[in-house]
Structures are given as C-alpha cells and as structure tokens.
N, C-alpha and C. Protein backbone atom coordinates (compact mmCIF):
# COMPACT_ATOMS: atom_id res chain seq x y z
N MET A 1 -20.36 -63.00 8.99
CA MET A 1 -19.75 -62.57 10.29
C MET A 1 -20.31 -61.08 10.50
N ALA A 2 -20.58 -60.38 9.61
CA ALA A 2 -21.02 -59.05 9.91
C ALA A 2 -22.50 -59.13 10.37
N SER A 3 -23.28 -60.18 9.88
CA SER A 3 -24.68 -60.34 10.45
C SER A 3 -24.59 -60.77 11.88
N CYS A 4 -23.68 -61.46 12.33
CA CYS A 4 -23.50 -61.79 13.71
C CYS A 4 -23.29 -60.64 14.48
N GLU A 5 -22.40 -59.71 14.22
CA GLU A 5 -22.07 -58.64 14.81
C GLU A 5 -23.29 -57.72 14.88
N LEU A 6 -23.98 -57.53 13.89
CA LEU A 6 -25.13 -56.71 13.85
C LEU A 6 -26.21 -57.29 14.72
N ASN A 7 -26.48 -58.65 14.63
CA ASN A 7 -27.35 -59.27 15.63
C ASN A 7 -27.01 -58.97 17.11
N ALA A 8 -25.59 -59.23 17.48
CA ALA A 8 -25.22 -58.86 18.78
C ALA A 8 -25.42 -57.28 19.13
N SER A 9 -25.19 -56.53 18.14
CA SER A 9 -25.44 -55.11 18.38
C SER A 9 -26.76 -54.70 18.49
N ASP A 10 -27.76 -55.29 17.79
CA ASP A 10 -29.20 -55.08 17.98
C ASP A 10 -29.60 -55.67 19.36
N ARG A 11 -29.01 -56.80 19.79
CA ARG A 11 -29.36 -57.15 21.06
C ARG A 11 -28.94 -56.39 22.18
N MET A 12 -27.71 -55.81 21.97
CA MET A 12 -27.21 -55.08 22.90
C MET A 12 -28.04 -53.67 23.13
N GLN A 13 -28.33 -53.18 22.00
CA GLN A 13 -29.39 -51.91 21.95
C GLN A 13 -30.47 -52.34 22.68
N LEU A 14 -31.21 -53.38 22.50
CA LEU A 14 -32.43 -53.84 22.99
C LEU A 14 -32.16 -53.94 24.59
N GLN A 15 -31.15 -54.43 25.07
CA GLN A 15 -30.79 -54.88 26.41
C GLN A 15 -30.61 -53.54 27.12
N VAL A 16 -29.85 -52.55 26.41
CA VAL A 16 -29.60 -51.24 27.16
C VAL A 16 -30.98 -50.52 27.32
N ALA A 17 -31.78 -50.60 26.29
CA ALA A 17 -32.95 -49.96 26.32
C ALA A 17 -33.88 -50.47 27.26
N SER A 18 -33.84 -51.70 27.51
CA SER A 18 -34.70 -52.46 28.61
C SER A 18 -34.06 -52.04 29.96
N LEU A 19 -32.77 -52.12 30.09
CA LEU A 19 -32.27 -51.79 31.33
C LEU A 19 -32.64 -50.39 31.87
N LEU A 20 -32.31 -49.43 31.00
CA LEU A 20 -32.70 -48.04 31.28
C LEU A 20 -34.09 -47.95 31.70
N SER A 21 -34.97 -48.58 30.87
CA SER A 21 -36.50 -48.50 31.11
C SER A 21 -36.81 -49.03 32.47
N GLY A 22 -36.12 -50.06 32.86
CA GLY A 22 -36.32 -50.68 34.05
C GLY A 22 -35.81 -49.62 35.29
N VAL A 23 -34.77 -49.07 35.04
CA VAL A 23 -34.24 -48.07 36.06
C VAL A 23 -35.25 -46.88 36.02
N SER A 24 -35.73 -46.45 35.09
CA SER A 24 -36.68 -45.32 34.89
C SER A 24 -37.88 -45.82 35.69
N THR A 25 -38.56 -46.99 35.42
CA THR A 25 -39.64 -47.25 36.03
C THR A 25 -39.58 -47.39 37.54
N HIS A 26 -38.41 -48.01 38.07
CA HIS A 26 -38.22 -48.21 39.54
C HIS A 26 -38.09 -46.91 40.09
N GLY A 27 -37.21 -45.95 39.48
CA GLY A 27 -37.04 -44.66 39.98
C GLY A 27 -38.35 -43.84 40.13
N ASP A 28 -39.06 -44.01 39.21
CA ASP A 28 -40.51 -43.36 39.17
C ASP A 28 -41.39 -43.91 40.22
N GLN A 29 -41.29 -45.20 40.56
CA GLN A 29 -42.12 -45.84 41.70
C GLN A 29 -41.61 -45.25 42.89
N HIS A 30 -40.35 -45.11 43.26
CA HIS A 30 -39.87 -44.60 44.45
C HIS A 30 -40.19 -42.97 44.64
N LEU A 31 -39.90 -42.36 43.62
CA LEU A 31 -40.40 -40.85 43.62
C LEU A 31 -41.92 -40.72 43.82
N ALA A 32 -42.59 -41.52 43.26
CA ALA A 32 -44.17 -41.44 43.42
C ALA A 32 -44.56 -41.65 44.83
N GLU A 33 -43.86 -42.82 45.43
CA GLU A 33 -43.93 -43.12 46.99
C GLU A 33 -43.58 -41.84 47.77
N VAL A 34 -42.48 -41.35 47.45
CA VAL A 34 -42.09 -40.03 48.31
C VAL A 34 -43.04 -38.98 48.11
N GLU A 35 -43.65 -38.81 47.01
CA GLU A 35 -44.56 -37.74 46.73
C GLU A 35 -45.90 -38.08 47.64
N ARG A 36 -46.38 -39.28 47.48
CA ARG A 36 -47.44 -39.69 48.29
C ARG A 36 -47.38 -39.59 49.73
N ASP A 37 -46.13 -39.93 50.23
CA ASP A 37 -45.83 -39.84 51.67
C ASP A 37 -45.60 -38.47 52.13
N LEU A 38 -45.22 -37.54 51.27
CA LEU A 38 -45.29 -36.07 51.75
C LEU A 38 -46.58 -35.53 51.82
N VAL A 39 -47.54 -35.89 50.95
CA VAL A 39 -48.93 -35.38 50.99
C VAL A 39 -49.59 -36.04 52.18
N GLN A 40 -49.24 -37.14 52.53
CA GLN A 40 -49.91 -37.72 53.75
C GLN A 40 -49.25 -37.11 54.98
N MET A 41 -47.96 -36.81 55.01
CA MET A 41 -47.35 -35.99 56.06
C MET A 41 -47.96 -34.73 56.26
N ASP A 42 -48.19 -34.11 55.20
CA ASP A 42 -48.71 -32.71 55.17
C ASP A 42 -50.06 -32.79 55.81
N VAL A 43 -50.94 -33.81 55.51
CA VAL A 43 -52.39 -34.06 56.13
C VAL A 43 -52.11 -34.28 57.53
N LEU A 44 -51.20 -35.12 58.08
CA LEU A 44 -51.03 -35.50 59.32
C LEU A 44 -50.65 -34.25 60.22
N LEU A 45 -49.74 -33.34 59.76
CA LEU A 45 -49.20 -32.39 60.36
C LEU A 45 -50.33 -31.27 60.50
N ASP A 46 -51.09 -31.02 59.46
CA ASP A 46 -52.35 -30.19 59.63
C ASP A 46 -53.22 -30.49 60.59
N GLU A 47 -53.56 -31.77 60.70
CA GLU A 47 -54.63 -32.31 61.59
C GLU A 47 -54.02 -32.32 63.03
N ALA A 48 -52.62 -32.62 63.27
CA ALA A 48 -52.08 -32.48 64.51
C ALA A 48 -52.05 -31.17 65.10
N ILE A 49 -51.67 -30.01 64.26
CA ILE A 49 -51.75 -28.73 64.60
C ILE A 49 -53.28 -28.34 64.85
N LYS A 50 -54.16 -28.71 64.25
CA LYS A 50 -55.57 -28.37 64.60
C LYS A 50 -56.05 -28.97 65.87
N LYS A 51 -55.68 -30.28 66.11
CA LYS A 51 -55.99 -31.00 67.38
C LYS A 51 -55.32 -30.33 68.58
N LEU A 52 -54.09 -29.96 68.42
CA LEU A 52 -53.31 -29.56 69.64
C LEU A 52 -53.76 -28.10 69.84
N CYS A 53 -53.99 -27.23 68.80
CA CYS A 53 -54.62 -25.91 69.09
C CYS A 53 -55.86 -25.96 69.85
N ALA A 54 -56.76 -26.74 69.25
CA ALA A 54 -58.08 -26.95 70.00
C ALA A 54 -57.98 -27.52 71.34
N SER A 55 -57.01 -28.41 71.54
CA SER A 55 -56.93 -28.96 72.99
C SER A 55 -56.33 -27.98 73.90
N PHE A 56 -55.39 -27.34 73.49
CA PHE A 56 -54.82 -26.24 74.29
C PHE A 56 -55.75 -25.13 74.68
N MET A 57 -56.55 -24.78 73.70
CA MET A 57 -57.61 -23.70 74.11
C MET A 57 -58.49 -23.99 74.92
N ALA A 58 -59.02 -25.39 74.71
CA ALA A 58 -59.94 -25.90 75.73
C ALA A 58 -59.32 -26.03 77.17
N ILE A 59 -58.25 -26.42 77.15
CA ILE A 59 -57.58 -26.64 78.47
C ILE A 59 -57.39 -25.16 78.99
N ASP A 60 -57.03 -24.11 78.38
CA ASP A 60 -57.07 -22.78 78.83
C ASP A 60 -58.32 -22.36 79.41
N GLN A 61 -59.42 -22.64 78.58
CA GLN A 61 -60.76 -22.22 79.12
C GLN A 61 -61.29 -22.97 80.44
N ALA A 62 -60.86 -24.30 80.52
CA ALA A 62 -61.25 -24.99 81.65
C ALA A 62 -60.44 -24.42 82.81
N ILE A 63 -59.25 -24.06 82.72
CA ILE A 63 -58.46 -23.64 83.86
C ILE A 63 -59.02 -22.34 84.24
N GLY A 64 -59.49 -21.55 83.37
CA GLY A 64 -60.05 -20.12 83.71
C GLY A 64 -61.27 -20.35 84.47
N VAL A 65 -62.18 -21.32 83.98
CA VAL A 65 -63.41 -21.53 84.88
C VAL A 65 -62.97 -22.26 86.12
N GLN A 66 -62.13 -23.05 86.30
CA GLN A 66 -61.66 -23.56 87.51
C GLN A 66 -61.02 -22.66 88.37
N GLN A 67 -60.37 -21.65 87.96
CA GLN A 67 -59.79 -20.54 88.67
C GLN A 67 -60.95 -19.72 89.28
N GLU A 68 -62.01 -19.41 88.39
CA GLU A 68 -63.13 -18.53 88.92
C GLU A 68 -63.84 -19.31 90.09
N THR A 69 -63.98 -20.69 89.93
CA THR A 69 -64.68 -21.42 90.98
C THR A 69 -63.70 -21.23 92.19
N LEU A 70 -62.46 -21.51 92.03
CA LEU A 70 -61.63 -21.46 93.27
C LEU A 70 -61.63 -20.01 93.94
N ASP A 71 -61.78 -19.07 93.08
CA ASP A 71 -61.90 -17.72 93.68
C ASP A 71 -63.10 -17.54 94.35
N ALA A 72 -64.26 -18.17 93.97
CA ALA A 72 -65.47 -18.21 94.60
C ALA A 72 -65.33 -18.84 95.98
N VAL A 73 -64.63 -20.04 96.05
CA VAL A 73 -64.47 -20.90 97.23
C VAL A 73 -63.82 -20.08 98.26
N LEU A 74 -62.65 -19.35 97.77
CA LEU A 74 -61.77 -18.68 98.65
C LEU A 74 -62.44 -17.40 99.19
N ALA A 75 -63.47 -16.71 98.38
CA ALA A 75 -64.10 -15.54 98.86
C ALA A 75 -65.11 -15.94 99.91
N THR A 76 -65.65 -17.09 99.88
CA THR A 76 -66.64 -17.57 100.98
C THR A 76 -66.02 -18.13 102.16
N GLY A 77 -64.82 -18.60 101.92
CA GLY A 77 -63.94 -19.14 103.18
C GLY A 77 -64.28 -20.68 103.39
N MET A 78 -65.25 -21.19 102.60
CA MET A 78 -65.55 -22.60 102.92
C MET A 78 -66.39 -23.11 101.46
N ALA A 79 -65.91 -24.29 101.15
CA ALA A 79 -66.37 -24.98 100.00
C ALA A 79 -67.66 -25.70 100.17
N ALA A 80 -68.72 -25.43 99.34
CA ALA A 80 -69.89 -25.94 99.34
C ALA A 80 -69.88 -27.22 98.52
N PRO A 81 -70.90 -28.13 98.77
CA PRO A 81 -70.75 -29.40 98.04
C PRO A 81 -70.84 -29.18 96.52
N GLU A 82 -71.73 -28.33 96.05
CA GLU A 82 -71.69 -27.90 94.61
C GLU A 82 -70.47 -27.58 94.05
N GLN A 83 -69.76 -26.67 94.75
CA GLN A 83 -68.35 -26.11 94.35
C GLN A 83 -67.39 -27.27 94.26
N ASN A 84 -67.42 -28.11 95.30
CA ASN A 84 -66.63 -29.43 95.22
C ASN A 84 -66.83 -30.20 93.92
N ALA A 85 -68.16 -30.52 93.80
CA ALA A 85 -68.57 -31.18 92.57
C ALA A 85 -68.11 -30.36 91.27
N ARG A 86 -68.31 -29.27 91.24
CA ARG A 86 -67.85 -28.35 90.08
C ARG A 86 -66.31 -28.50 89.83
N LEU A 87 -65.64 -28.38 91.02
CA LEU A 87 -64.05 -28.40 90.78
C LEU A 87 -63.71 -29.97 90.25
N GLN A 88 -64.38 -30.96 90.81
CA GLN A 88 -64.11 -32.19 90.42
C GLN A 88 -64.46 -32.45 88.84
N ALA A 89 -65.48 -31.93 88.43
CA ALA A 89 -65.85 -31.98 87.05
C ALA A 89 -64.81 -31.24 86.17
N LEU A 90 -64.45 -30.04 86.54
CA LEU A 90 -63.23 -29.33 85.92
C LEU A 90 -62.17 -30.05 85.89
N ARG A 91 -61.68 -30.73 87.00
CA ARG A 91 -60.46 -31.47 87.00
C ARG A 91 -60.63 -32.72 85.94
N ASP A 92 -61.82 -33.24 85.74
CA ASP A 92 -61.93 -34.30 84.83
C ASP A 92 -61.86 -33.73 83.32
N GLU A 93 -62.45 -32.60 83.21
CA GLU A 93 -62.56 -31.92 81.93
C GLU A 93 -61.08 -31.48 81.40
N ILE A 94 -60.31 -31.09 82.33
CA ILE A 94 -58.88 -30.56 81.95
C ILE A 94 -58.11 -31.94 81.73
N GLY A 95 -58.51 -33.04 82.45
CA GLY A 95 -57.76 -34.39 82.09
C GLY A 95 -58.06 -34.82 80.72
N ARG A 96 -59.45 -34.55 80.25
CA ARG A 96 -59.83 -35.05 78.94
C ARG A 96 -59.01 -34.32 77.85
N HIS A 97 -58.91 -32.84 78.15
CA HIS A 97 -58.16 -32.02 77.16
C HIS A 97 -56.77 -32.32 77.09
N VAL A 98 -56.21 -32.58 78.23
CA VAL A 98 -54.80 -33.04 78.16
C VAL A 98 -54.57 -34.36 77.34
N GLY A 99 -55.49 -35.32 77.62
CA GLY A 99 -55.52 -36.55 76.84
C GLY A 99 -55.52 -36.28 75.35
N ALA A 100 -56.37 -35.30 75.06
CA ALA A 100 -56.68 -35.01 73.56
C ALA A 100 -55.43 -34.42 73.00
N ALA A 101 -54.69 -33.59 73.76
CA ALA A 101 -53.49 -32.84 73.37
C ALA A 101 -52.46 -33.93 73.07
N VAL A 102 -52.32 -34.87 74.08
CA VAL A 102 -51.24 -36.04 73.99
C VAL A 102 -51.69 -37.01 72.75
N THR A 103 -52.85 -37.14 72.42
CA THR A 103 -53.13 -37.92 71.25
C THR A 103 -52.69 -37.11 70.12
N GLY A 104 -52.98 -35.85 70.01
CA GLY A 104 -52.35 -35.03 68.91
C GLY A 104 -50.88 -35.13 68.73
N LEU A 105 -50.22 -35.28 69.87
CA LEU A 105 -48.84 -35.50 69.82
C LEU A 105 -48.33 -36.83 69.06
N GLN A 106 -49.24 -37.82 69.03
CA GLN A 106 -49.06 -39.10 68.38
C GLN A 106 -48.75 -38.87 66.86
N PHE A 107 -49.42 -37.84 66.36
CA PHE A 107 -49.16 -37.46 64.87
C PHE A 107 -47.70 -37.32 64.60
N GLN A 108 -46.85 -36.83 65.52
CA GLN A 108 -45.48 -36.60 65.35
C GLN A 108 -44.87 -37.91 65.04
N ASP A 109 -45.13 -38.98 65.84
CA ASP A 109 -44.59 -40.25 65.70
C ASP A 109 -45.00 -40.85 64.39
N MET A 110 -46.07 -40.68 63.84
CA MET A 110 -46.43 -41.25 62.55
C MET A 110 -45.74 -40.34 61.48
N THR A 111 -45.59 -39.08 61.54
CA THR A 111 -45.00 -38.36 60.68
C THR A 111 -43.50 -38.68 60.54
N SER A 112 -42.90 -39.04 61.74
CA SER A 112 -41.47 -39.55 61.68
C SER A 112 -41.37 -40.81 60.96
N GLN A 113 -42.38 -41.71 61.05
CA GLN A 113 -42.22 -43.01 60.28
C GLN A 113 -42.36 -42.61 58.79
N LEU A 114 -43.14 -41.80 58.30
CA LEU A 114 -43.40 -41.36 56.96
C LEU A 114 -42.07 -40.82 56.50
N ILE A 115 -41.46 -39.86 57.31
CA ILE A 115 -40.07 -39.51 56.90
C ILE A 115 -39.11 -40.54 56.72
N GLY A 116 -39.04 -41.48 57.65
CA GLY A 116 -38.30 -42.77 57.48
C GLY A 116 -38.46 -43.52 56.15
N ARG A 117 -39.79 -43.62 55.80
CA ARG A 117 -40.07 -44.29 54.57
C ARG A 117 -39.54 -43.46 53.45
N MET A 118 -39.69 -42.18 53.35
CA MET A 118 -39.12 -41.37 52.37
C MET A 118 -37.70 -41.63 52.11
N VAL A 119 -37.05 -41.61 53.24
CA VAL A 119 -35.52 -41.95 53.19
C VAL A 119 -35.18 -43.25 52.58
N GLN A 120 -35.98 -44.26 52.98
CA GLN A 120 -35.79 -45.56 52.46
C GLN A 120 -36.03 -45.48 50.96
N HIS A 121 -36.98 -44.85 50.50
CA HIS A 121 -37.26 -44.78 49.00
C HIS A 121 -36.17 -44.12 48.27
N LEU A 122 -35.78 -42.98 48.94
CA LEU A 122 -34.56 -42.28 48.13
C LEU A 122 -33.25 -43.15 48.32
N ALA A 123 -33.09 -43.86 49.33
CA ALA A 123 -32.03 -44.71 49.41
C ALA A 123 -32.01 -45.80 48.40
N GLY A 124 -33.21 -46.35 48.24
CA GLY A 124 -33.50 -47.36 47.19
C GLY A 124 -33.10 -46.83 45.76
N LEU A 125 -33.53 -45.63 45.60
CA LEU A 125 -33.28 -45.09 44.26
C LEU A 125 -31.85 -45.07 44.10
N ARG A 126 -31.12 -44.49 45.17
CA ARG A 126 -29.59 -44.33 45.07
C ARG A 126 -29.01 -45.63 44.74
N ASP A 127 -29.39 -46.66 45.49
CA ASP A 127 -28.98 -48.10 45.18
C ASP A 127 -29.00 -48.61 43.84
N VAL A 128 -30.22 -48.30 43.30
CA VAL A 128 -30.48 -48.75 41.98
C VAL A 128 -29.40 -48.14 41.03
N PHE A 129 -29.27 -46.78 41.20
CA PHE A 129 -28.34 -45.85 40.50
C PHE A 129 -26.82 -46.52 40.70
N GLY A 130 -26.65 -46.87 41.94
CA GLY A 130 -25.37 -47.29 42.23
C GLY A 130 -25.13 -48.76 41.67
N ALA A 131 -26.15 -49.58 41.43
CA ALA A 131 -25.93 -50.89 40.75
C ALA A 131 -25.52 -50.55 39.39
N LEU A 132 -26.15 -49.59 38.74
CA LEU A 132 -25.66 -49.26 37.23
C LEU A 132 -24.34 -48.77 37.29
N GLY A 133 -23.85 -47.91 38.28
CA GLY A 133 -22.46 -47.36 38.27
C GLY A 133 -21.37 -48.26 38.76
N GLY A 134 -21.72 -49.61 39.08
CA GLY A 134 -20.83 -50.52 39.52
C GLY A 134 -19.72 -50.97 38.69
N ASN A 135 -19.92 -50.75 37.27
CA ASN A 135 -19.15 -51.17 36.29
C ASN A 135 -18.72 -49.66 35.64
N GLY A 136 -17.51 -49.33 35.97
CA GLY A 136 -17.09 -47.91 35.45
C GLY A 136 -16.91 -47.89 34.02
N ALA A 137 -16.94 -46.62 33.38
CA ALA A 137 -16.77 -46.61 31.91
C ALA A 137 -15.51 -47.06 31.49
N ALA A 138 -14.40 -47.14 32.28
CA ALA A 138 -13.10 -47.38 31.91
C ALA A 138 -13.12 -49.05 31.79
N THR A 139 -14.02 -49.82 32.20
CA THR A 139 -14.10 -51.26 32.25
C THR A 139 -14.98 -51.70 31.20
N LEU A 140 -15.67 -50.91 30.49
CA LEU A 140 -16.64 -51.45 29.35
C LEU A 140 -15.73 -52.21 28.29
N PRO A 141 -16.38 -53.27 27.98
CA PRO A 141 -15.91 -54.09 26.89
C PRO A 141 -16.14 -53.40 25.57
N GLU A 142 -15.41 -53.94 24.37
CA GLU A 142 -15.66 -53.42 23.21
C GLU A 142 -17.17 -53.35 22.83
N SER A 143 -17.80 -52.40 22.19
CA SER A 143 -19.11 -52.30 21.68
C SER A 143 -19.42 -53.44 20.81
N GLY A 144 -20.65 -53.90 21.03
CA GLY A 144 -21.22 -54.93 20.25
C GLY A 144 -20.80 -56.33 20.64
N SER A 145 -19.73 -56.63 21.66
CA SER A 145 -19.19 -57.77 21.96
C SER A 145 -20.09 -58.60 22.84
N GLU A 146 -19.87 -60.00 22.88
CA GLU A 146 -20.54 -60.73 23.78
C GLU A 146 -20.24 -60.48 25.32
N GLU A 147 -18.93 -59.94 25.48
CA GLU A 147 -18.68 -59.45 26.71
C GLU A 147 -19.59 -58.39 27.22
N MET A 148 -19.79 -57.27 26.41
CA MET A 148 -20.65 -56.39 26.65
C MET A 148 -22.15 -56.92 27.05
N LEU A 149 -22.53 -57.59 26.35
CA LEU A 149 -23.95 -58.37 26.65
C LEU A 149 -23.79 -59.10 27.95
N ALA A 150 -22.87 -59.73 28.21
CA ALA A 150 -22.61 -60.44 29.67
C ALA A 150 -22.57 -59.35 30.63
N MET A 151 -21.96 -58.37 30.47
CA MET A 151 -21.81 -57.24 31.59
C MET A 151 -23.21 -56.62 31.77
N LEU A 152 -24.01 -56.34 30.66
CA LEU A 152 -25.30 -55.74 30.83
C LEU A 152 -26.30 -56.68 31.51
N ASP A 153 -26.10 -58.01 31.29
CA ASP A 153 -26.88 -58.97 31.93
C ASP A 153 -26.59 -58.89 33.54
N ARG A 154 -25.25 -58.77 33.88
CA ARG A 154 -24.91 -58.68 35.25
C ARG A 154 -25.47 -57.51 35.92
N ILE A 155 -25.33 -56.38 35.20
CA ILE A 155 -25.90 -55.09 35.88
C ILE A 155 -27.41 -55.12 35.88
N GLY A 156 -28.10 -55.75 34.97
CA GLY A 156 -29.56 -55.92 34.91
C GLY A 156 -29.90 -56.96 36.08
N ASP A 157 -29.18 -57.90 36.30
CA ASP A 157 -29.45 -58.77 37.47
C ASP A 157 -29.47 -58.02 38.89
N ARG A 158 -28.18 -57.25 38.94
CA ARG A 158 -27.88 -56.41 40.28
C ARG A 158 -29.08 -55.51 40.35
N VAL A 159 -29.60 -54.72 39.40
CA VAL A 159 -30.67 -53.92 39.66
C VAL A 159 -31.89 -54.68 39.80
N GLY A 160 -32.19 -55.75 39.23
CA GLY A 160 -33.43 -56.54 39.46
C GLY A 160 -33.42 -57.02 41.00
N ALA A 161 -32.17 -57.56 41.33
CA ALA A 161 -32.12 -58.10 42.74
C ALA A 161 -32.52 -56.96 43.78
N ARG A 162 -31.81 -55.81 43.55
CA ARG A 162 -32.10 -54.69 44.51
C ARG A 162 -33.47 -54.34 44.40
N CYS A 163 -34.06 -54.25 43.42
CA CYS A 163 -35.48 -53.74 43.14
C CYS A 163 -36.40 -54.89 43.97
N ALA A 164 -36.07 -56.05 43.89
CA ALA A 164 -36.85 -57.06 44.45
C ALA A 164 -36.67 -56.95 46.07
N GLU A 165 -35.37 -56.64 46.44
CA GLU A 165 -35.24 -56.54 47.98
C GLU A 165 -36.08 -55.27 48.47
N LEU A 166 -36.12 -54.24 47.68
CA LEU A 166 -36.73 -52.99 48.12
C LEU A 166 -38.33 -53.06 47.97
N ASN A 167 -38.77 -54.00 47.15
CA ASN A 167 -40.23 -54.12 46.89
C ASN A 167 -41.04 -54.11 48.19
N GLY A 168 -40.60 -54.91 49.29
CA GLY A 168 -41.23 -54.87 50.51
C GLY A 168 -41.47 -53.67 51.22
N LEU A 169 -40.41 -52.68 50.92
CA LEU A 169 -40.48 -51.49 51.59
C LEU A 169 -41.44 -50.55 50.97
N VAL A 170 -42.12 -50.76 49.78
CA VAL A 170 -42.82 -49.71 48.95
C VAL A 170 -44.05 -49.36 49.69
N ARG A 171 -44.79 -50.11 50.14
CA ARG A 171 -46.06 -49.79 50.98
C ARG A 171 -46.02 -50.57 52.25
N SER A 172 -46.14 -49.81 53.34
CA SER A 172 -46.14 -50.30 54.54
C SER A 172 -47.07 -49.36 55.58
N THR A 173 -47.63 -49.93 56.63
CA THR A 173 -48.52 -49.30 57.39
C THR A 173 -47.91 -48.30 58.30
N VAL A 174 -48.42 -47.26 58.63
CA VAL A 174 -47.89 -46.25 59.52
C VAL A 174 -48.60 -46.39 60.78
N ASN A 175 -47.80 -46.72 61.79
CA ASN A 175 -48.55 -47.02 63.17
C ASN A 175 -47.98 -46.03 64.19
N GLN A 176 -49.02 -45.77 65.10
CA GLN A 176 -48.48 -45.05 66.24
C GLN A 176 -47.71 -45.85 67.34
N ARG A 177 -46.45 -45.58 67.61
CA ARG A 177 -45.66 -46.43 68.42
C ARG A 177 -45.29 -45.97 69.87
N HIS A 178 -45.46 -44.72 70.14
CA HIS A 178 -45.14 -44.20 71.22
C HIS A 178 -46.69 -43.49 71.91
N MET A 179 -46.33 -42.97 73.02
CA MET A 179 -47.53 -42.34 73.84
C MET A 179 -48.41 -43.46 74.33
N GLU A 180 -48.85 -43.43 75.51
CA GLU A 180 -49.54 -44.54 76.15
C GLU A 180 -50.99 -44.28 76.02
N SER A 181 -51.40 -43.26 75.36
CA SER A 181 -52.87 -42.99 75.48
C SER A 181 -53.75 -43.61 74.29
N GLY A 182 -53.12 -44.53 73.43
CA GLY A 182 -54.02 -45.15 72.47
C GLY A 182 -53.27 -45.72 71.30
N ASP A 183 -53.78 -46.41 70.46
CA ASP A 183 -53.19 -46.83 69.19
C ASP A 183 -54.03 -46.03 68.08
N ILE A 184 -53.23 -45.79 66.93
CA ILE A 184 -53.64 -45.15 65.73
C ILE A 184 -53.03 -45.93 64.74
N GLU A 185 -53.76 -46.50 63.76
CA GLU A 185 -53.03 -47.02 62.54
C GLU A 185 -53.73 -46.34 61.23
N LEU A 186 -52.72 -45.83 60.38
CA LEU A 186 -53.20 -45.05 59.20
C LEU A 186 -52.39 -45.63 58.04
N PHE A 187 -53.17 -45.43 56.91
CA PHE A 187 -52.62 -45.83 55.49
C PHE A 187 -52.45 -47.22 55.45
C-alpha cells in the first residue's frame, strides 16, 4: 500500500512540475511577444516622427516659395503665364507634402494595433494564471491522493484549452486601417 502512495506521490510531483513548466513556457511566449511588439512600436514611432517632421518642413518651405511668388505677382499687378505655372507647381508640391504627412499619420493606426496586441498577450497571461487560481488552496484535496491528481488534470486541461484559444493571437499582421491615402501592411 505504501508503494501505491509513493507512486501516486511521484506522479503528482511530475504532474505539478509539468503544469508549472507549461505555465512558465506560455508566460514566456506572451512576454516575448510583448517585447517584440514594443520594439516594433518604437521603430514605427521613430519612422513616423521622421516622416512627419520632414513632411511639415517641406510644406513650410513650399509655402514660403509660394508666398514669394504671390508677392511678386502682387508687386507687378498682373500674373504672367510663368508665374501661374509656378503657382500651380507649388500647389501640387504642397499637396504631395500634405499627402506624405497624412501617410506618416498612418503609423499611429499601426502603433495602436500593436498596443492592442500587447494588451491581448497580457490578458492571455492573466487568463492562464487565472486558470491556475480557479481552485483555491482551501479546496485542495489531501496530498498524494487520486483526487489531487484529478484536480491537477482539470487545471492542466483548462490551462491547455486557454493556451490553444490564445494561440491564434500570438502572431498577426499589423495593417493600416484608416486614412484614405493608401494601404500599408507590416510584420
């Protein structure tokens, strides 16, 4: 009879070790995803800031040249054909720069998606730990018993089911969803 309890005790120790290892592995996966998403978000924000800065500086320069051209037209009292062409070219250039600035704003949408993914990963980690905490310490059966093994099996099944549900969320594409000026797909 002592050998049966020792056997059950050994099985329980192995099962607890396996369960904790699974929780650790799953937690590490979510935390690694959050870390990768943060790095990607940093790159996106850096790129967006550079694009926006360059676009707004170019807009400022184009508006300055346009103002100089308008001042020349006003000084002569009449617009020459080359001045009209120059004003049209400046209007087109300003339109391109505004479009580039709007494209830079699309990175905010992608950054928001990455933040949403990070929240999902953290919620997944919380859910896994919640599945472990579903059976409070007050309800633990006697150590080494078959009831303990059954309880650990149920906890392991809940954790495994939650991990499988969250598996589809682990890697997904970040897409530009807003702004009418074009589509961008990253990662």
